[in-house]
Amino acid sequence: MNKIFPQENVNGNAVAGTKALPGREGCSPLCYSRQGACLSASVLLLLITLAALITLIIIAGPPPHMPGAQACVTLINRTGFLCHDRRNCISASGVCDGVRTCPHGEDEDEALCRDVPQSLPTFLVVRCGNPGSWIYSDQKCDGTNNCGDCSDELSPVTVCPPCGPGWWRCPSTVFKYCGCIPRSLCRDHVQHCSDWSDEYSCPGL
């Protein structure tokens, strides 16, 4: 049987005849009101925080899965960049060139391109004879003087295979080329080789 305890009013005076709830003996209505207000405020704050978090996820979207950059071999047998779909292999020089080539645009990702070449994977970068200069790895041994000092085409900095079938080997007088010139330049009545072999020895195309 529950006991009857006097209840205090707001002035602290006892009010007789009030039945106390089990386990709550000695707690006034003001006490109950304060506890209920604190509980309601806590629940409301939790709901507001949860709603804000859900809204942020909806607006920003879930964080994307960003696998590490991987190398691949392009159709012309050059080092390339493997897109995240693992199907498309783009040329090294197509990375961070301002054009989104991969289906999801990861070749222009901000983290990848924010501090070129330091932010690029090492397989995409080749250093020239001048340590301050660099080229993309697919520009090495392509017959063109990309470094400006032919260090990407000639030894001792670079060892390239012999000139391909569409090229003529000679010491070039043209800045664009190094140890080989395109056969299309042979026998055009213009000197492209320092030994004139492009005009007298090269069979042309």
N, C-alpha and C. Protein backbone atom coordinates (compact mmCIF):
# COMPACT_ATOMS: atom_id res chain seq x y z
N MET A 1 0.85 -1.20 0.00
CA MET A 1 0.00 0.00 0.00
C MET A 1 0.88 1.24 0.00
N ASN A 2 0.60 2.18 -0.91
CA ASN A 2 1.41 3.38 -1.01
C ASN A 2 1.14 4.32 0.15
N LYS A 3 2.16 4.95 0.58
CA LYS A 3 2.05 5.91 1.67
C LYS A 3 1.67 7.27 1.13
N ILE A 4 1.03 8.05 1.98
CA ILE A 4 0.65 9.40 1.63
C ILE A 4 1.66 10.35 2.25
N PHE A 5 2.30 11.16 1.42
CA PHE A 5 3.29 12.11 1.92
C PHE A 5 2.81 13.51 1.60
N PRO A 6 3.13 14.44 2.45
CA PRO A 6 2.77 15.83 2.14
C PRO A 6 3.58 16.33 0.95
N GLN A 7 2.99 17.13 0.13
CA GLN A 7 3.63 17.67 -1.07
C GLN A 7 3.89 19.14 -0.87
N GLU A 8 5.06 19.58 -1.31
CA GLU A 8 5.41 20.98 -1.17
C GLU A 8 4.91 21.75 -2.37
N ASN A 9 4.42 22.96 -2.07
CA ASN A 9 4.06 23.83 -3.19
C ASN A 9 5.28 24.62 -3.64
N VAL A 10 5.11 25.52 -4.58
CA VAL A 10 6.24 26.27 -5.12
C VAL A 10 6.91 27.12 -4.08
N ASN A 11 6.19 27.44 -2.99
CA ASN A 11 6.78 28.24 -1.92
C ASN A 11 7.46 27.40 -0.87
N GLY A 12 7.44 26.07 -1.07
CA GLY A 12 8.08 25.19 -0.10
C GLY A 12 7.15 24.76 0.99
N ASN A 13 5.85 25.15 0.97
CA ASN A 13 4.90 24.76 2.00
C ASN A 13 4.31 23.40 1.68
N ALA A 14 4.08 22.60 2.72
CA ALA A 14 3.58 21.25 2.52
C ALA A 14 2.11 21.28 2.18
N VAL A 15 1.69 20.41 1.29
CA VAL A 15 0.30 20.24 0.91
C VAL A 15 -0.08 18.82 1.24
N ALA A 16 -1.03 18.62 2.13
CA ALA A 16 -1.37 17.28 2.61
C ALA A 16 -2.24 16.55 1.61
N GLY A 17 -2.22 15.23 1.72
CA GLY A 17 -3.14 14.41 0.96
C GLY A 17 -2.68 14.02 -0.40
N THR A 18 -1.43 14.22 -0.73
CA THR A 18 -0.91 13.87 -2.06
C THR A 18 -0.24 12.52 -2.00
N LYS A 19 -0.57 11.65 -2.94
CA LYS A 19 0.00 10.30 -2.97
C LYS A 19 1.30 10.33 -3.76
N ALA A 20 2.39 9.80 -3.20
CA ALA A 20 3.68 9.76 -3.89
C ALA A 20 3.76 8.54 -4.78
N LEU A 21 4.38 8.70 -5.95
CA LEU A 21 4.58 7.57 -6.85
C LEU A 21 5.63 6.65 -6.30
N PRO A 22 5.48 5.33 -6.57
CA PRO A 22 6.48 4.38 -6.07
C PRO A 22 7.86 4.73 -6.57
N GLY A 23 8.84 4.75 -5.72
CA GLY A 23 10.23 5.05 -6.09
C GLY A 23 10.50 6.51 -6.28
N ARG A 24 9.50 7.36 -6.11
CA ARG A 24 9.68 8.79 -6.33
C ARG A 24 9.36 9.59 -5.07
N GLU A 25 9.39 8.91 -3.92
CA GLU A 25 9.05 9.59 -2.69
C GLU A 25 9.92 10.83 -2.49
N GLY A 26 9.36 11.88 -2.09
CA GLY A 26 10.09 13.09 -1.75
C GLY A 26 10.39 13.99 -2.92
N CYS A 27 9.89 13.67 -4.14
CA CYS A 27 10.15 14.50 -5.33
C CYS A 27 8.90 15.30 -5.65
N SER A 28 9.04 16.61 -5.71
CA SER A 28 7.91 17.50 -5.92
C SER A 28 7.53 17.56 -7.40
N PRO A 29 6.35 18.10 -7.75
CA PRO A 29 5.97 18.29 -9.15
C PRO A 29 6.98 19.14 -9.91
N LEU A 30 7.58 20.10 -9.25
CA LEU A 30 8.59 20.92 -9.90
C LEU A 30 9.80 20.07 -10.29
N CYS A 31 10.13 19.12 -9.44
CA CYS A 31 11.24 18.20 -9.73
C CYS A 31 10.93 17.37 -10.96
N TYR A 32 9.67 16.83 -11.03
CA TYR A 32 9.28 16.05 -12.19
C TYR A 32 9.33 16.89 -13.47
N SER A 33 8.90 18.13 -13.37
CA SER A 33 8.87 19.01 -14.54
C SER A 33 10.28 19.25 -15.06
N ARG A 34 11.21 19.48 -14.17
CA ARG A 34 12.59 19.73 -14.60
C ARG A 34 13.21 18.49 -15.25
N GLN A 35 12.93 17.33 -14.66
CA GLN A 35 13.47 16.09 -15.25
C GLN A 35 12.90 15.84 -16.63
N GLY A 36 11.60 16.06 -16.77
CA GLY A 36 10.97 15.86 -18.07
C GLY A 36 11.48 16.83 -19.11
N ALA A 37 11.71 18.09 -18.71
CA ALA A 37 12.22 19.10 -19.65
C ALA A 37 13.63 18.74 -20.12
N CYS A 38 14.47 18.27 -19.19
CA CYS A 38 15.84 17.88 -19.56
C CYS A 38 15.84 16.71 -20.52
N LEU A 39 14.95 15.72 -20.24
CA LEU A 39 14.88 14.54 -21.11
C LEU A 39 14.39 14.93 -22.49
N SER A 40 13.38 15.78 -22.56
CA SER A 40 12.85 16.23 -23.85
C SER A 40 13.90 17.00 -24.65
N ALA A 41 14.64 17.86 -23.98
CA ALA A 41 15.68 18.64 -24.66
C ALA A 41 16.78 17.74 -25.21
N SER A 42 17.14 16.70 -24.45
CA SER A 42 18.18 15.79 -24.89
C SER A 42 17.74 15.01 -26.13
N VAL A 43 16.48 14.52 -26.09
CA VAL A 43 15.94 13.78 -27.24
C VAL A 43 15.84 14.68 -28.46
N LEU A 44 15.39 15.91 -28.27
CA LEU A 44 15.26 16.86 -29.38
C LEU A 44 16.62 17.17 -30.00
N LEU A 45 17.64 17.37 -29.15
CA LEU A 45 18.99 17.65 -29.66
C LEU A 45 19.53 16.48 -30.46
N LEU A 46 19.26 15.26 -29.98
CA LEU A 46 19.72 14.06 -30.69
C LEU A 46 19.05 13.94 -32.05
N LEU A 47 17.75 14.23 -32.10
CA LEU A 47 17.02 14.15 -33.37
C LEU A 47 17.51 15.20 -34.36
N ILE A 48 17.78 16.42 -33.87
CA ILE A 48 18.26 17.49 -34.74
C ILE A 48 19.63 17.12 -35.32
N THR A 49 20.52 16.57 -34.47
CA THR A 49 21.85 16.16 -34.94
C THR A 49 21.76 15.06 -35.98
N LEU A 50 20.88 14.07 -35.74
CA LEU A 50 20.71 12.97 -36.69
C LEU A 50 20.16 13.47 -38.02
N ALA A 51 19.19 14.38 -37.96
CA ALA A 51 18.62 14.95 -39.19
C ALA A 51 19.66 15.73 -39.98
N ALA A 52 20.50 16.49 -39.28
CA ALA A 52 21.54 17.27 -39.96
C ALA A 52 22.54 16.34 -40.64
N LEU A 53 22.89 15.23 -39.98
CA LEU A 53 23.84 14.28 -40.55
C LEU A 53 23.27 13.62 -41.79
N ILE A 54 22.00 13.23 -41.74
CA ILE A 54 21.37 12.61 -42.91
C ILE A 54 21.30 13.59 -44.07
N THR A 55 20.95 14.84 -43.77
CA THR A 55 20.90 15.86 -44.83
C THR A 55 22.26 16.07 -45.48
N LEU A 56 23.31 16.08 -44.67
CA LEU A 56 24.66 16.27 -45.20
C LEU A 56 25.06 15.12 -46.11
N ILE A 57 24.72 13.89 -45.72
CA ILE A 57 25.05 12.73 -46.55
C ILE A 57 24.30 12.76 -47.87
N ILE A 58 23.01 13.19 -47.81
CA ILE A 58 22.22 13.26 -49.04
C ILE A 58 22.78 14.29 -50.00
N ILE A 59 23.20 15.45 -49.45
CA ILE A 59 23.72 16.53 -50.30
C ILE A 59 25.10 16.18 -50.87
N ALA A 60 26.00 15.74 -50.01
CA ALA A 60 27.38 15.48 -50.44
C ALA A 60 27.54 14.11 -51.08
N GLY A 61 26.66 13.18 -50.71
CA GLY A 61 26.80 11.82 -51.21
C GLY A 61 27.81 11.06 -50.38
N PRO A 62 27.77 9.76 -50.44
CA PRO A 62 28.72 8.96 -49.66
C PRO A 62 30.13 9.13 -50.21
N PRO A 63 31.16 9.01 -49.38
CA PRO A 63 32.53 9.15 -49.88
C PRO A 63 32.83 8.09 -50.91
N PRO A 64 33.37 8.45 -52.09
CA PRO A 64 33.62 7.47 -53.15
C PRO A 64 34.78 6.56 -52.80
N HIS A 65 34.72 5.36 -53.34
CA HIS A 65 35.83 4.42 -53.17
C HIS A 65 36.90 4.77 -54.20
N MET A 66 38.08 5.14 -53.73
CA MET A 66 39.15 5.60 -54.61
C MET A 66 40.32 4.63 -54.55
N PRO A 67 40.33 3.63 -55.41
CA PRO A 67 41.47 2.72 -55.41
C PRO A 67 42.73 3.45 -55.85
N GLY A 68 43.88 2.92 -55.48
CA GLY A 68 45.12 3.55 -55.85
C GLY A 68 45.36 3.50 -57.35
N ALA A 69 46.16 4.46 -57.85
CA ALA A 69 46.46 4.50 -59.28
C ALA A 69 47.24 3.26 -59.69
N GLN A 70 46.88 2.71 -60.85
CA GLN A 70 47.54 1.50 -61.35
C GLN A 70 48.00 1.71 -62.78
N ALA A 71 49.14 1.11 -63.10
CA ALA A 71 49.70 1.21 -64.44
C ALA A 71 49.06 0.16 -65.36
N CYS A 72 49.12 0.44 -66.64
CA CYS A 72 48.64 -0.51 -67.65
C CYS A 72 49.46 -0.29 -68.92
N VAL A 73 49.21 -1.08 -69.93
CA VAL A 73 49.93 -0.95 -71.20
C VAL A 73 48.92 -0.58 -72.28
N THR A 74 49.16 0.53 -72.97
CA THR A 74 48.24 1.01 -73.99
C THR A 74 48.35 0.16 -75.26
N LEU A 75 47.47 0.44 -76.20
CA LEU A 75 47.45 -0.32 -77.46
C LEU A 75 48.72 -0.14 -78.27
N ILE A 76 49.44 0.96 -78.04
CA ILE A 76 50.70 1.18 -78.77
C ILE A 76 51.90 0.81 -77.90
N ASN A 77 51.65 -0.06 -76.91
CA ASN A 77 52.71 -0.61 -76.07
C ASN A 77 53.44 0.46 -75.26
N ARG A 78 52.69 1.38 -74.71
CA ARG A 78 53.24 2.42 -73.86
C ARG A 78 52.64 2.33 -72.46
N THR A 79 53.37 2.84 -71.47
CA THR A 79 52.85 2.86 -70.11
C THR A 79 51.65 3.78 -70.04
N GLY A 80 50.58 3.30 -69.41
CA GLY A 80 49.37 4.09 -69.32
C GLY A 80 48.80 4.11 -67.92
N PHE A 81 47.65 4.75 -67.77
CA PHE A 81 46.95 4.90 -66.51
C PHE A 81 45.66 4.09 -66.59
N LEU A 82 45.47 3.16 -65.66
CA LEU A 82 44.29 2.31 -65.67
C LEU A 82 43.14 3.01 -64.96
N CYS A 83 42.04 3.20 -65.68
CA CYS A 83 40.85 3.83 -65.09
C CYS A 83 40.25 2.89 -64.04
N HIS A 84 39.41 3.45 -63.17
CA HIS A 84 38.85 2.67 -62.08
C HIS A 84 37.89 1.58 -62.54
N ASP A 85 37.40 1.68 -63.78
CA ASP A 85 36.54 0.61 -64.28
C ASP A 85 37.35 -0.61 -64.70
N ARG A 86 38.69 -0.46 -64.67
CA ARG A 86 39.63 -1.54 -64.99
C ARG A 86 39.48 -2.03 -66.43
N ARG A 87 38.88 -1.22 -67.27
CA ARG A 87 38.71 -1.55 -68.68
C ARG A 87 39.47 -0.60 -69.59
N ASN A 88 39.44 0.68 -69.22
CA ASN A 88 40.06 1.70 -70.06
C ASN A 88 41.47 2.00 -69.59
N CYS A 89 42.41 1.96 -70.52
CA CYS A 89 43.81 2.30 -70.26
C CYS A 89 44.14 3.52 -71.11
N ILE A 90 44.38 4.65 -70.46
CA ILE A 90 44.67 5.88 -71.21
C ILE A 90 46.17 6.16 -71.16
N SER A 91 46.65 6.93 -72.10
CA SER A 91 48.08 7.25 -72.16
C SER A 91 48.50 8.05 -70.95
N ALA A 92 49.75 7.91 -70.55
CA ALA A 92 50.26 8.64 -69.38
C ALA A 92 50.10 10.15 -69.56
N SER A 93 50.36 10.64 -70.76
CA SER A 93 50.26 12.08 -71.01
C SER A 93 48.82 12.56 -71.06
N GLY A 94 47.85 11.64 -70.97
CA GLY A 94 46.45 12.02 -70.91
C GLY A 94 45.97 12.27 -69.49
N VAL A 95 46.87 12.08 -68.50
CA VAL A 95 46.51 12.29 -67.10
C VAL A 95 46.80 13.75 -66.72
N CYS A 96 45.87 14.38 -66.07
CA CYS A 96 46.01 15.78 -65.62
C CYS A 96 46.30 16.72 -66.79
N ASP A 97 45.61 16.49 -67.91
CA ASP A 97 45.78 17.36 -69.07
C ASP A 97 44.59 18.30 -69.25
N GLY A 98 43.69 18.30 -68.26
CA GLY A 98 42.53 19.17 -68.32
C GLY A 98 41.33 18.56 -69.01
N VAL A 99 41.47 17.33 -69.50
CA VAL A 99 40.37 16.65 -70.19
C VAL A 99 40.07 15.34 -69.47
N ARG A 100 38.82 15.15 -69.05
CA ARG A 100 38.43 13.92 -68.36
C ARG A 100 38.26 12.81 -69.39
N THR A 101 39.21 11.87 -69.38
CA THR A 101 39.19 10.79 -70.35
C THR A 101 38.59 9.52 -69.79
N CYS A 102 38.86 9.21 -68.53
CA CYS A 102 38.26 8.04 -67.88
C CYS A 102 36.76 8.26 -67.73
N PRO A 103 35.96 7.18 -67.75
CA PRO A 103 34.51 7.33 -67.64
C PRO A 103 34.05 8.11 -66.41
N HIS A 104 34.79 7.98 -65.31
CA HIS A 104 34.40 8.68 -64.08
C HIS A 104 35.31 9.88 -63.80
N GLY A 105 36.19 10.21 -64.72
CA GLY A 105 37.01 11.41 -64.59
C GLY A 105 38.14 11.32 -63.59
N GLU A 106 38.52 10.11 -63.16
CA GLU A 106 39.56 10.00 -62.14
C GLU A 106 40.94 10.41 -62.65
N ASP A 107 41.13 10.49 -63.97
CA ASP A 107 42.42 10.95 -64.51
C ASP A 107 42.64 12.44 -64.28
N GLU A 108 41.59 13.15 -63.84
CA GLU A 108 41.69 14.57 -63.52
C GLU A 108 41.36 14.83 -62.05
N ASP A 109 41.46 13.80 -61.23
CA ASP A 109 41.14 13.92 -59.81
C ASP A 109 42.00 14.99 -59.15
N GLU A 110 41.39 15.75 -58.25
CA GLU A 110 42.09 16.88 -57.62
C GLU A 110 43.33 16.42 -56.85
N ALA A 111 43.21 15.31 -56.13
CA ALA A 111 44.36 14.81 -55.36
C ALA A 111 45.49 14.37 -56.27
N LEU A 112 45.14 13.85 -57.44
CA LEU A 112 46.14 13.37 -58.38
C LEU A 112 46.86 14.52 -59.08
N CYS A 113 46.15 15.61 -59.30
CA CYS A 113 46.67 16.69 -60.14
C CYS A 113 47.03 17.97 -59.38
N ARG A 114 46.93 17.96 -58.05
CA ARG A 114 47.09 19.21 -57.32
C ARG A 114 48.52 19.73 -57.31
N ASP A 115 49.53 18.82 -57.47
CA ASP A 115 50.93 19.25 -57.41
C ASP A 115 51.78 18.43 -58.37
N VAL A 116 51.45 18.54 -59.65
CA VAL A 116 52.17 17.80 -60.69
C VAL A 116 53.60 18.32 -60.82
N PRO A 117 54.62 17.45 -60.94
CA PRO A 117 54.55 15.99 -61.03
C PRO A 117 54.63 15.26 -59.70
N GLN A 118 54.84 16.00 -58.57
CA GLN A 118 55.02 15.31 -57.28
C GLN A 118 53.80 14.48 -56.91
N SER A 119 52.62 14.91 -57.28
CA SER A 119 51.41 14.18 -56.91
C SER A 119 51.10 13.01 -57.84
N LEU A 120 51.85 12.87 -58.93
CA LEU A 120 51.61 11.78 -59.88
C LEU A 120 52.31 10.51 -59.44
N PRO A 121 51.76 9.33 -59.76
CA PRO A 121 52.46 8.07 -59.49
C PRO A 121 53.78 8.04 -60.27
N THR A 122 54.78 7.39 -59.72
CA THR A 122 56.11 7.39 -60.35
C THR A 122 56.09 6.75 -61.73
N PHE A 123 55.17 5.82 -61.99
CA PHE A 123 55.17 5.16 -63.30
C PHE A 123 54.70 6.09 -64.42
N LEU A 124 54.18 7.26 -64.07
CA LEU A 124 53.74 8.21 -65.09
C LEU A 124 54.79 9.27 -65.41
N VAL A 125 55.87 9.30 -64.64
CA VAL A 125 56.83 10.41 -64.74
C VAL A 125 58.23 9.89 -65.10
N VAL A 126 58.92 10.62 -65.99
CA VAL A 126 60.32 10.36 -66.33
C VAL A 126 61.08 11.67 -66.17
N ARG A 127 62.19 11.61 -65.46
CA ARG A 127 63.02 12.80 -65.28
C ARG A 127 63.98 12.96 -66.45
N CYS A 128 64.19 14.21 -66.83
CA CYS A 128 65.12 14.51 -67.93
C CYS A 128 66.55 14.63 -67.40
N GLY A 129 67.50 14.91 -68.30
CA GLY A 129 68.88 15.12 -67.90
C GLY A 129 68.99 16.26 -66.91
N ASN A 130 68.19 17.29 -67.11
CA ASN A 130 68.08 18.37 -66.14
C ASN A 130 67.08 17.93 -65.09
N PRO A 131 67.49 17.72 -63.83
CA PRO A 131 66.58 17.19 -62.81
C PRO A 131 65.32 18.02 -62.60
N GLY A 132 65.38 19.28 -62.98
CA GLY A 132 64.22 20.13 -62.81
C GLY A 132 63.17 19.95 -63.90
N SER A 133 63.51 19.17 -64.93
CA SER A 133 62.58 18.94 -66.04
C SER A 133 62.07 17.51 -66.01
N TRP A 134 60.86 17.32 -66.50
CA TRP A 134 60.27 15.99 -66.53
C TRP A 134 59.33 15.87 -67.71
N ILE A 135 59.01 14.63 -68.08
CA ILE A 135 58.04 14.34 -69.13
C ILE A 135 57.17 13.18 -68.67
N TYR A 136 56.09 12.96 -69.36
CA TYR A 136 55.28 11.77 -69.10
C TYR A 136 55.99 10.54 -69.65
N SER A 137 55.77 9.41 -69.01
CA SER A 137 56.50 8.20 -69.35
C SER A 137 56.24 7.74 -70.78
N ASP A 138 55.07 8.04 -71.35
CA ASP A 138 54.82 7.61 -72.72
C ASP A 138 55.50 8.50 -73.75
N GLN A 139 56.16 9.59 -73.29
CA GLN A 139 56.90 10.46 -74.21
C GLN A 139 58.37 10.08 -74.31
N LYS A 140 58.77 9.11 -73.51
CA LYS A 140 60.15 8.63 -73.56
C LYS A 140 60.32 7.70 -74.76
N CYS A 141 61.41 7.89 -75.50
CA CYS A 141 61.74 7.04 -76.65
C CYS A 141 60.62 7.05 -77.70
N ASP A 142 60.02 8.21 -77.92
CA ASP A 142 59.00 8.30 -78.97
C ASP A 142 59.53 9.00 -80.21
N GLY A 143 60.85 9.25 -80.23
CA GLY A 143 61.48 9.87 -81.40
C GLY A 143 61.48 11.39 -81.36
N THR A 144 60.82 11.97 -80.38
CA THR A 144 60.70 13.43 -80.30
C THR A 144 61.47 13.97 -79.11
N ASN A 145 62.10 15.12 -79.29
CA ASN A 145 62.90 15.74 -78.24
C ASN A 145 61.99 16.45 -77.24
N ASN A 146 61.38 15.68 -76.34
CA ASN A 146 60.43 16.25 -75.38
C ASN A 146 61.13 16.95 -74.22
N CYS A 147 62.33 16.48 -73.85
CA CYS A 147 63.05 17.10 -72.74
C CYS A 147 63.76 18.39 -73.15
N GLY A 148 63.99 18.56 -74.44
CA GLY A 148 64.69 19.75 -74.92
C GLY A 148 66.18 19.57 -75.02
N ASP A 149 66.73 18.51 -74.39
CA ASP A 149 68.16 18.22 -74.49
C ASP A 149 68.39 16.81 -75.02
N CYS A 150 67.33 16.19 -75.55
CA CYS A 150 67.37 14.83 -76.10
C CYS A 150 67.70 13.76 -75.06
N SER A 151 67.65 14.11 -73.77
CA SER A 151 67.96 13.12 -72.75
C SER A 151 66.87 12.05 -72.64
N ASP A 152 65.70 12.31 -73.22
CA ASP A 152 64.64 11.30 -73.23
C ASP A 152 64.76 10.35 -74.41
N GLU A 153 65.75 10.63 -75.29
CA GLU A 153 65.91 9.81 -76.49
C GLU A 153 67.30 9.19 -76.62
N LEU A 154 68.31 9.79 -76.01
CA LEU A 154 69.69 9.35 -76.23
C LEU A 154 70.36 8.96 -74.92
N SER A 155 71.36 8.07 -75.04
CA SER A 155 72.18 7.70 -73.89
C SER A 155 73.11 8.89 -73.57
N PRO A 156 73.67 8.97 -72.37
CA PRO A 156 73.62 7.94 -71.32
C PRO A 156 72.39 8.02 -70.42
N VAL A 157 71.57 9.06 -70.56
CA VAL A 157 70.41 9.19 -69.68
C VAL A 157 69.35 8.15 -70.00
N THR A 158 69.11 7.93 -71.28
CA THR A 158 68.06 7.01 -71.72
C THR A 158 68.60 6.04 -72.76
N VAL A 159 68.19 4.81 -72.65
CA VAL A 159 68.54 3.79 -73.65
C VAL A 159 67.26 3.41 -74.38
N CYS A 160 67.17 3.79 -75.63
CA CYS A 160 65.98 3.53 -76.43
C CYS A 160 66.27 2.45 -77.46
N PRO A 161 65.26 1.74 -77.90
CA PRO A 161 65.45 0.75 -78.98
C PRO A 161 65.82 1.46 -80.28
N PRO A 162 66.32 0.71 -81.27
CA PRO A 162 66.68 1.32 -82.56
C PRO A 162 65.48 2.02 -83.20
N CYS A 163 65.78 2.89 -84.14
CA CYS A 163 64.71 3.60 -84.83
C CYS A 163 63.73 2.61 -85.46
N GLY A 164 62.47 2.93 -85.41
CA GLY A 164 61.45 2.06 -85.98
C GLY A 164 61.46 2.11 -87.49
N PRO A 165 60.62 1.30 -88.12
CA PRO A 165 60.60 1.22 -89.58
C PRO A 165 60.24 2.52 -90.28
N GLY A 166 59.55 3.41 -89.60
CA GLY A 166 59.18 4.67 -90.24
C GLY A 166 60.16 5.79 -89.97
N TRP A 167 61.38 5.42 -89.44
CA TRP A 167 62.37 6.42 -89.06
C TRP A 167 63.72 6.13 -89.73
N TRP A 168 64.53 7.19 -89.84
CA TRP A 168 65.89 7.06 -90.38
C TRP A 168 66.87 7.52 -89.29
N ARG A 169 67.85 6.66 -89.00
CA ARG A 169 68.80 6.98 -87.93
C ARG A 169 69.90 7.88 -88.45
N CYS A 170 70.08 9.03 -87.81
CA CYS A 170 71.15 9.96 -88.15
C CYS A 170 71.20 11.05 -87.08
N PRO A 171 72.32 11.75 -86.96
CA PRO A 171 72.38 12.91 -86.05
C PRO A 171 71.56 14.06 -86.63
N SER A 172 70.45 14.36 -85.99
CA SER A 172 69.51 15.32 -86.55
C SER A 172 69.98 16.75 -86.37
N THR A 173 69.67 17.57 -87.35
CA THR A 173 69.94 19.01 -87.26
C THR A 173 68.67 19.77 -86.85
N VAL A 174 67.59 19.05 -86.67
CA VAL A 174 66.31 19.65 -86.32
C VAL A 174 66.08 19.48 -84.82
N PHE A 175 65.76 20.56 -84.13
CA PHE A 175 65.60 20.53 -82.67
C PHE A 175 64.54 19.52 -82.23
N LYS A 176 63.54 19.33 -83.03
CA LYS A 176 62.42 18.46 -82.65
C LYS A 176 62.84 17.00 -82.53
N TYR A 177 63.88 16.61 -83.27
CA TYR A 177 64.30 15.21 -83.29
C TYR A 177 65.70 15.06 -82.72
N CYS A 178 66.04 13.79 -82.40
CA CYS A 178 67.35 13.54 -81.77
C CYS A 178 68.19 12.61 -82.62
N GLY A 179 68.08 11.30 -82.40
CA GLY A 179 68.89 10.34 -83.15
C GLY A 179 68.21 9.74 -84.35
N CYS A 180 66.97 10.09 -84.58
CA CYS A 180 66.21 9.57 -85.72
C CYS A 180 65.32 10.67 -86.27
N ILE A 181 65.04 10.59 -87.55
CA ILE A 181 64.07 11.51 -88.16
C ILE A 181 63.03 10.68 -88.90
N PRO A 182 61.85 11.20 -89.08
CA PRO A 182 60.84 10.46 -89.85
C PRO A 182 61.29 10.29 -91.30
N ARG A 183 61.06 9.14 -91.86
CA ARG A 183 61.46 8.90 -93.26
C ARG A 183 60.73 9.82 -94.23
N SER A 184 59.62 10.38 -93.79
CA SER A 184 58.89 11.30 -94.66
C SER A 184 59.70 12.56 -94.95
N LEU A 185 60.75 12.82 -94.15
CA LEU A 185 61.60 13.99 -94.37
C LEU A 185 62.77 13.69 -95.31
N CYS A 186 62.95 12.44 -95.66
CA CYS A 186 64.07 12.07 -96.54
C CYS A 186 63.80 12.52 -97.98
N ARG A 187 64.90 12.92 -98.63
CA ARG A 187 64.88 13.30 -100.06
C ARG A 187 63.84 14.38 -100.36
N ASP A 188 63.74 15.34 -99.45
CA ASP A 188 62.84 16.46 -99.70
C ASP A 188 63.63 17.73 -100.03
N HIS A 189 64.94 17.54 -100.33
CA HIS A 189 65.84 18.63 -100.71
C HIS A 189 66.10 19.59 -99.56
N VAL A 190 65.90 19.11 -98.32
CA VAL A 190 66.19 19.92 -97.12
C VAL A 190 67.04 19.06 -96.19
N GLN A 191 68.13 19.65 -95.66
CA GLN A 191 69.00 18.90 -94.76
C GLN A 191 68.37 18.76 -93.39
N HIS A 192 68.18 17.50 -92.97
CA HIS A 192 67.69 17.20 -91.64
C HIS A 192 68.72 16.42 -90.83
N CYS A 193 69.72 15.85 -91.49
CA CYS A 193 70.79 15.11 -90.82
C CYS A 193 72.09 15.87 -91.03
N SER A 194 72.92 15.92 -89.99
CA SER A 194 74.17 16.66 -90.12
C SER A 194 75.11 16.06 -91.17
N ASP A 195 74.94 14.78 -91.50
CA ASP A 195 75.78 14.14 -92.52
C ASP A 195 75.10 14.07 -93.89
N TRP A 196 73.98 14.72 -94.03
CA TRP A 196 73.21 14.76 -95.27
C TRP A 196 72.70 13.38 -95.72
N SER A 197 72.73 12.42 -94.82
CA SER A 197 72.30 11.07 -95.22
C SER A 197 70.80 11.02 -95.52
N ASP A 198 70.07 11.99 -95.03
CA ASP A 198 68.63 12.00 -95.32
C ASP A 198 68.36 12.32 -96.78
N GLU A 199 69.34 12.92 -97.45
CA GLU A 199 69.17 13.27 -98.85
C GLU A 199 69.89 12.32 -99.81
N TYR A 200 70.90 11.61 -99.28
CA TYR A 200 71.69 10.77 -100.20
C TYR A 200 71.59 9.29 -99.89
N SER A 201 71.28 8.92 -98.67
CA SER A 201 71.29 7.51 -98.30
C SER A 201 69.91 6.98 -97.91
N CYS A 202 69.12 7.80 -97.32
CA CYS A 202 67.80 7.36 -96.87
C CYS A 202 66.90 7.05 -98.06
N PRO A 203 66.31 5.85 -98.07
CA PRO A 203 65.46 5.49 -99.22
C PRO A 203 64.10 6.16 -99.19
N GLY A 204 63.77 6.83 -98.13
CA GLY A 204 62.46 7.45 -98.01
C GLY A 204 61.39 6.40 -97.72
N LEU A 205 60.17 6.79 -97.85
CA LEU A 205 59.06 5.89 -97.57
C LEU A 205 58.77 4.96 -98.74
